[in-house]
Amino acid sequence: MTPPLGWGFLLCSKTKIGYEINFNRYFYKYTPPRPLEEIETDLKKIEKEIADMLAEVTE
């Protein structure tokens, strides 16, 4: 283990110029979720499609 150096140094290959811009912070537009009834009807429709496909396969 070496003792800490008394002087600082800079590695030019590891330095970065600039900064990160969080685009979500400035450009994000909130869209509220769909109503639960609409989601429920979509799920029931998809469940019926899956059940029909399974019925075709098991015949």
PDB file of N, CA and C in Angstrom:
ATOM      1  N   MET A   1       0.848  -1.177   0.000  1.00  0.00           N
ATOM      2  CA  MET A   1       0.000   0.000   0.000  1.00  0.00           C
ATOM      3  C   MET A   1       0.891   1.236   0.000  1.00  0.00           C
ATOM      4  N   THR A   2       0.567   2.173  -0.891  1.00  0.00           N
ATOM      5  CA  THR A   2       1.398   3.371  -0.986  1.00  0.00           C
ATOM      6  C   THR A   2       0.718   4.534  -0.278  1.00  0.00           C
ATOM      7  N   PRO A   3       1.480   5.441   0.267  1.00  0.00           N
ATOM      8  CA  PRO A   3       0.873   6.615   0.910  1.00  0.00           C
ATOM      9  C   PRO A   3       0.286   7.540  -0.144  1.00  0.00           C
ATOM     10  N   PRO A   4      -0.721   8.332   0.222  1.00  0.00           N
ATOM     11  CA  PRO A   4      -1.315   9.255  -0.749  1.00  0.00           C
ATOM     12  C   PRO A   4      -0.307  10.313  -1.194  1.00  0.00           C
ATOM     13  N   LEU A   5      -0.440  10.712  -2.435  1.00  0.00           N
ATOM     14  CA  LEU A   5       0.471  11.718  -2.973  1.00  0.00           C
ATOM     15  C   LEU A   5       0.082  13.101  -2.466  1.00  0.00           C
ATOM     16  N   GLY A   6       1.057  13.948  -2.319  1.00  0.00           N
ATOM     17  CA  GLY A   6       0.819  15.296  -1.844  1.00  0.00           C
ATOM     18  C   GLY A   6       0.450  16.255  -2.959  1.00  0.00           C
ATOM     19  N   TRP A   7       0.422  15.818  -4.183  1.00  0.00           N
ATOM     20  CA  TRP A   7       0.102  16.688  -5.312  1.00  0.00           C
ATOM     21  C   TRP A   7      -0.963  16.017  -6.163  1.00  0.00           C
ATOM     22  N   GLY A   8      -1.761  16.785  -6.823  1.00  0.00           N
ATOM     23  CA  GLY A   8      -2.826  16.250  -7.666  1.00  0.00           C
ATOM     24  C   GLY A   8      -2.371  16.144  -9.114  1.00  0.00           C
ATOM     25  N   PHE A   9      -3.058  15.340  -9.869  1.00  0.00           N
ATOM     26  CA  PHE A   9      -2.737  15.215 -11.284  1.00  0.00           C
ATOM     27  C   PHE A   9      -4.028  15.008 -12.058  1.00  0.00           C
ATOM     28  N   LEU A  10      -3.967  15.181 -13.357  1.00  0.00           N
ATOM     29  CA  LEU A  10      -5.136  15.107 -14.222  1.00  0.00           C
ATOM     30  C   LEU A  10      -4.855  14.157 -15.375  1.00  0.00           C
ATOM     31  N   LEU A  11      -5.735  13.175 -15.558  1.00  0.00           N
ATOM     32  CA  LEU A  11      -5.620  12.273 -16.698  1.00  0.00           C
ATOM     33  C   LEU A  11      -6.508  12.809 -17.814  1.00  0.00           C
ATOM     34  N   CYS A  12      -5.908  13.356 -18.844  1.00  0.00           N
ATOM     35  CA  CYS A  12      -6.668  13.960 -19.934  1.00  0.00           C
ATOM     36  C   CYS A  12      -7.523  12.944 -20.676  1.00  0.00           C
ATOM     37  N   SER A  13      -7.111  11.674 -20.698  1.00  0.00           N
ATOM     38  CA  SER A  13      -7.881  10.671 -21.419  1.00  0.00           C
ATOM     39  C   SER A  13      -9.170  10.305 -20.682  1.00  0.00           C
ATOM     40  N   LYS A  14      -9.277  10.619 -19.403  1.00  0.00           N
ATOM     41  CA  LYS A  14     -10.462  10.254 -18.630  1.00  0.00           C
ATOM     42  C   LYS A  14     -11.363  11.440 -18.306  1.00  0.00           C
ATOM     43  N   THR A  15     -11.006  12.629 -18.742  1.00  0.00           N
ATOM     44  CA  THR A  15     -11.839  13.790 -18.460  1.00  0.00           C
ATOM     45  C   THR A  15     -12.952  13.902 -19.490  1.00  0.00           C
ATOM     46  N   LYS A  16     -14.056  14.475 -19.095  1.00  0.00           N
ATOM     47  CA  LYS A  16     -15.196  14.672 -19.982  1.00  0.00           C
ATOM     48  C   LYS A  16     -15.487  16.166 -20.101  1.00  0.00           C
ATOM     49  N   ILE A  17     -15.920  16.557 -21.274  1.00  0.00           N
ATOM     50  CA  ILE A  17     -16.288  17.948 -21.496  1.00  0.00           C
ATOM     51  C   ILE A  17     -17.780  17.985 -21.759  1.00  0.00           C
ATOM     52  N   GLY A  18     -18.481  18.860 -21.095  1.00  0.00           N
ATOM     53  CA  GLY A  18     -19.914  18.991 -21.293  1.00  0.00           C
ATOM     54  C   GLY A  18     -20.691  18.389 -20.129  1.00  0.00           C
ATOM     55  N   TYR A  19     -21.980  18.238 -20.327  1.00  0.00           N
ATOM     56  CA  TYR A  19     -22.834  17.675 -19.287  1.00  0.00           C
ATOM     57  C   TYR A  19     -24.002  16.966 -19.939  1.00  0.00           C
ATOM     58  N   GLU A  20     -24.709  16.178 -19.152  1.00  0.00           N
ATOM     59  CA  GLU A  20     -25.837  15.399 -19.648  1.00  0.00           C
ATOM     60  C   GLU A  20     -27.122  16.199 -19.516  1.00  0.00           C
ATOM     61  N   ILE A  21     -27.945  16.171 -20.556  1.00  0.00           N
ATOM     62  CA  ILE A  21     -29.232  16.857 -20.523  1.00  0.00           C
ATOM     63  C   ILE A  21     -30.315  15.805 -20.345  1.00  0.00           C
ATOM     64  N   ASN A  22     -31.122  15.952 -19.317  1.00  0.00           N
ATOM     65  CA  ASN A  22     -32.224  15.028 -19.064  1.00  0.00           C
ATOM     66  C   ASN A  22     -33.425  15.487 -19.889  1.00  0.00           C
ATOM     67  N   PHE A  23     -33.629  14.841 -21.059  1.00  0.00           N
ATOM     68  CA  PHE A  23     -34.687  15.264 -21.966  1.00  0.00           C
ATOM     69  C   PHE A  23     -36.074  15.005 -21.375  1.00  0.00           C
ATOM     70  N   ASN A  24     -36.210  13.965 -20.552  1.00  0.00           N
ATOM     71  CA  ASN A  24     -37.507  13.697 -19.937  1.00  0.00           C
ATOM     72  C   ASN A  24     -37.955  14.850 -19.054  1.00  0.00           C
ATOM     73  N   ARG A  25     -37.023  15.478 -18.418  1.00  0.00           N
ATOM     74  CA  ARG A  25     -37.364  16.583 -17.520  1.00  0.00           C
ATOM     75  C   ARG A  25     -37.979  17.760 -18.273  1.00  0.00           C
ATOM     76  N   TYR A  26     -37.527  17.990 -19.487  1.00  0.00           N
ATOM     77  CA  TYR A  26     -37.973  19.165 -20.228  1.00  0.00           C
ATOM     78  C   TYR A  26     -39.044  18.876 -21.273  1.00  0.00           C
ATOM     79  N   PHE A  27     -39.062  17.660 -21.825  1.00  0.00           N
ATOM     80  CA  PHE A  27     -39.951  17.386 -22.943  1.00  0.00           C
ATOM     81  C   PHE A  27     -41.027  16.344 -22.658  1.00  0.00           C
ATOM     82  N   TYR A  28     -41.059  15.740 -21.486  1.00  0.00           N
ATOM     83  CA  TYR A  28     -42.029  14.690 -21.175  1.00  0.00           C
ATOM     84  C   TYR A  28     -43.418  15.288 -21.002  1.00  0.00           C
ATOM     85  N   LYS A  29     -44.382  14.719 -21.687  1.00  0.00           N
ATOM     86  CA  LYS A  29     -45.785  15.132 -21.540  1.00  0.00           C
ATOM     87  C   LYS A  29     -46.550  13.975 -20.907  1.00  0.00           C
ATOM     88  N   TYR A  30     -47.154  14.214 -19.773  1.00  0.00           N
ATOM     89  CA  TYR A  30     -47.896  13.178 -19.059  1.00  0.00           C
ATOM     90  C   TYR A  30     -49.165  12.811 -19.824  1.00  0.00           C
ATOM     91  N   THR A  31     -49.371  11.525 -20.007  1.00  0.00           N
ATOM     92  CA  THR A  31     -50.628  11.029 -20.575  1.00  0.00           C
ATOM     93  C   THR A  31     -51.246  10.098 -19.548  1.00  0.00           C
ATOM     94  N   PRO A  32     -52.450  10.383 -19.095  1.00  0.00           N
ATOM     95  CA  PRO A  32     -53.066   9.551 -18.066  1.00  0.00           C
ATOM     96  C   PRO A  32     -53.369   8.157 -18.604  1.00  0.00           C
ATOM     97  N   PRO A  33     -53.374   7.156 -17.721  1.00  0.00           N
ATOM     98  CA  PRO A  33     -53.672   5.791 -18.178  1.00  0.00           C
ATOM     99  C   PRO A  33     -55.105   5.664 -18.655  1.00  0.00           C
ATOM    100  N   ARG A  34     -55.357   4.615 -19.443  1.00  0.00           N
ATOM    101  CA  ARG A  34     -56.708   4.378 -19.951  1.00  0.00           C
ATOM    102  C   ARG A  34     -57.634   4.001 -18.795  1.00  0.00           C
ATOM    103  N   PRO A  35     -58.935   4.166 -18.978  1.00  0.00           N
ATOM    104  CA  PRO A  35     -59.879   3.758 -17.936  1.00  0.00           C
ATOM    105  C   PRO A  35     -59.816   2.239 -17.720  1.00  0.00           C
ATOM    106  N   LEU A  36     -60.050   1.809 -16.495  1.00  0.00           N
ATOM    107  CA  LEU A  36     -59.965   0.393 -16.154  1.00  0.00           C
ATOM    108  C   LEU A  36     -60.949  -0.457 -16.945  1.00  0.00           C
ATOM    109  N   GLU A  37     -62.120   0.079 -17.234  1.00  0.00           N
ATOM    110  CA  GLU A  37     -63.114  -0.682 -17.987  1.00  0.00           C
ATOM    111  C   GLU A  37     -62.594  -1.019 -19.392  1.00  0.00           C
ATOM    112  N   GLU A  38     -61.932  -0.070 -20.013  1.00  0.00           N
ATOM    113  CA  GLU A  38     -61.385  -0.284 -21.351  1.00  0.00           C
ATOM    114  C   GLU A  38     -60.279  -1.345 -21.320  1.00  0.00           C
ATOM    115  N   ILE A  39     -59.426  -1.279 -20.326  1.00  0.00           N
ATOM    116  CA  ILE A  39     -58.352  -2.267 -20.180  1.00  0.00           C
ATOM    117  C   ILE A  39     -58.944  -3.648 -19.926  1.00  0.00           C
ATOM    118  N   GLU A  40     -59.963  -3.706 -19.090  1.00  0.00           N
ATOM    119  CA  GLU A  40     -60.592  -4.988 -18.773  1.00  0.00           C
ATOM    120  C   GLU A  40     -61.223  -5.624 -20.013  1.00  0.00           C
ATOM    121  N   THR A  41     -61.894  -4.835 -20.836  1.00  0.00           N
ATOM    122  CA  THR A  41     -62.503  -5.390 -22.048  1.00  0.00           C
ATOM    123  C   THR A  41     -61.430  -5.884 -23.021  1.00  0.00           C
ATOM    124  N   ASP A  42     -60.317  -5.157 -23.125  1.00  0.00           N
ATOM    125  CA  ASP A  42     -59.217  -5.609 -23.983  1.00  0.00           C
ATOM    126  C   ASP A  42     -58.648  -6.935 -23.485  1.00  0.00           C
ATOM    127  N   LEU A  43     -58.470  -7.055 -22.179  1.00  0.00           N
ATOM    128  CA  LEU A  43     -57.937  -8.299 -21.613  1.00  0.00           C
ATOM    129  C   LEU A  43     -58.880  -9.471 -21.849  1.00  0.00           C
ATOM    130  N   LYS A  44     -60.164  -9.249 -21.674  1.00  0.00           N
ATOM    131  CA  LYS A  44     -61.129 -10.328 -21.902  1.00  0.00           C
ATOM    132  C   LYS A  44     -61.125 -10.765 -23.364  1.00  0.00           C
ATOM    133  N   LYS A  45     -61.004  -9.792 -24.283  1.00  0.00           N
ATOM    134  CA  LYS A  45     -60.960 -10.115 -25.704  1.00  0.00           C
ATOM    135  C   LYS A  45     -59.722 -10.958 -26.025  1.00  0.00           C
ATOM    136  N   ILE A  46     -58.580 -10.570 -25.470  1.00  0.00           N
ATOM    137  CA  ILE A  46     -57.340 -11.304 -25.709  1.00  0.00           C
ATOM    138  C   ILE A  46     -57.407 -12.699 -25.087  1.00  0.00           C
ATOM    139  N   GLU A  47     -57.982 -12.805 -23.879  1.00  0.00           N
ATOM    140  CA  GLU A  47     -58.140 -14.114 -23.250  1.00  0.00           C
ATOM    141  C   GLU A  47     -58.995 -15.039 -24.113  1.00  0.00           C
ATOM    142  N   LYS A  48     -60.055 -14.491 -24.712  1.00  0.00           N
ATOM    143  CA  LYS A  48     -60.919 -15.302 -25.575  1.00  0.00           C
ATOM    144  C   LYS A  48     -60.158 -15.764 -26.811  1.00  0.00           C
ATOM    145  N   GLU A  49     -59.351 -14.881 -27.400  1.00  0.00           N
ATOM    146  CA  GLU A  49     -58.542 -15.255 -28.563  1.00  0.00           C
ATOM    147  C   GLU A  49     -57.567 -16.377 -28.213  1.00  0.00           C
ATOM    148  N   ILE A  50     -56.936 -16.273 -27.050  1.00  0.00           N
ATOM    149  CA  ILE A  50     -55.992 -17.308 -26.619  1.00  0.00           C
ATOM    150  C   ILE A  50     -56.720 -18.626 -26.387  1.00  0.00           C
ATOM    151  N   ALA A  51     -57.877 -18.577 -25.745  1.00  0.00           N
ATOM    152  CA  ALA A  51     -58.652 -19.793 -25.506  1.00  0.00           C
ATOM    153  C   ALA A  51     -59.067 -20.438 -26.830  1.00  0.00           C
ATOM    154  N   ASP A  52     -59.450 -19.634 -27.834  1.00  0.00           N
ATOM    155  CA  ASP A  52     -59.816 -20.166 -29.144  1.00  0.00           C
ATOM    156  C   ASP A  52     -58.623 -20.835 -29.821  1.00  0.00           C
ATOM    157  N   MET A  53     -57.440 -20.199 -29.723  1.00  0.00           N
ATOM    158  CA  MET A  53     -56.240 -20.798 -30.315  1.00  0.00           C
ATOM    159  C   MET A  53     -55.888 -22.113 -29.632  1.00  0.00           C
ATOM    160  N   LEU A  54     -55.991 -22.160 -28.310  1.00  0.00           N
ATOM    161  CA  LEU A  54     -55.718 -23.400 -27.581  1.00  0.00           C
ATOM    162  C   LEU A  54     -56.710 -24.481 -27.946  1.00  0.00           C
ATOM    163  N   ALA A  55     -57.968 -24.105 -28.160  1.00  0.00           N
ATOM    164  CA  ALA A  55     -58.974 -25.086 -28.548  1.00  0.00           C
ATOM    165  C   ALA A  55     -58.656 -25.681 -29.930  1.00  0.00           C
ATOM    166  N   GLU A  56     -58.137 -24.843 -30.839  1.00  0.00           N
ATOM    167  CA  GLU A  56     -57.744 -25.339 -32.160  1.00  0.00           C
ATOM    168  C   GLU A  56     -56.592 -26.325 -32.057  1.00  0.00           C
ATOM    169  N   VAL A  57     -55.648 -26.053 -31.195  1.00  0.00           N
ATOM    170  CA  VAL A  57     -54.458 -26.889 -31.058  1.00  0.00           C
ATOM    171  C   VAL A  57     -54.797 -28.222 -30.399  1.00  0.00           C
ATOM    172  N   THR A  58     -55.685 -28.190 -29.418  1.00  0.00           N
ATOM    173  CA  THR A  58     -55.993 -29.416 -28.669  1.00  0.00           C
ATOM    174  C   THR A  58     -56.996 -30.303 -29.367  1.00  0.00           C
ATOM    175  N   GLU A  59     -57.592 -29.866 -30.471  1.00  0.00           N
ATOM    176  CA  GLU A  59     -58.574 -30.704 -31.183  1.00  0.00           C
ATOM    177  C   GLU A  59     -57.914 -31.833 -31.909  1.00  0.00           C
TER     178      GLU A  59
END
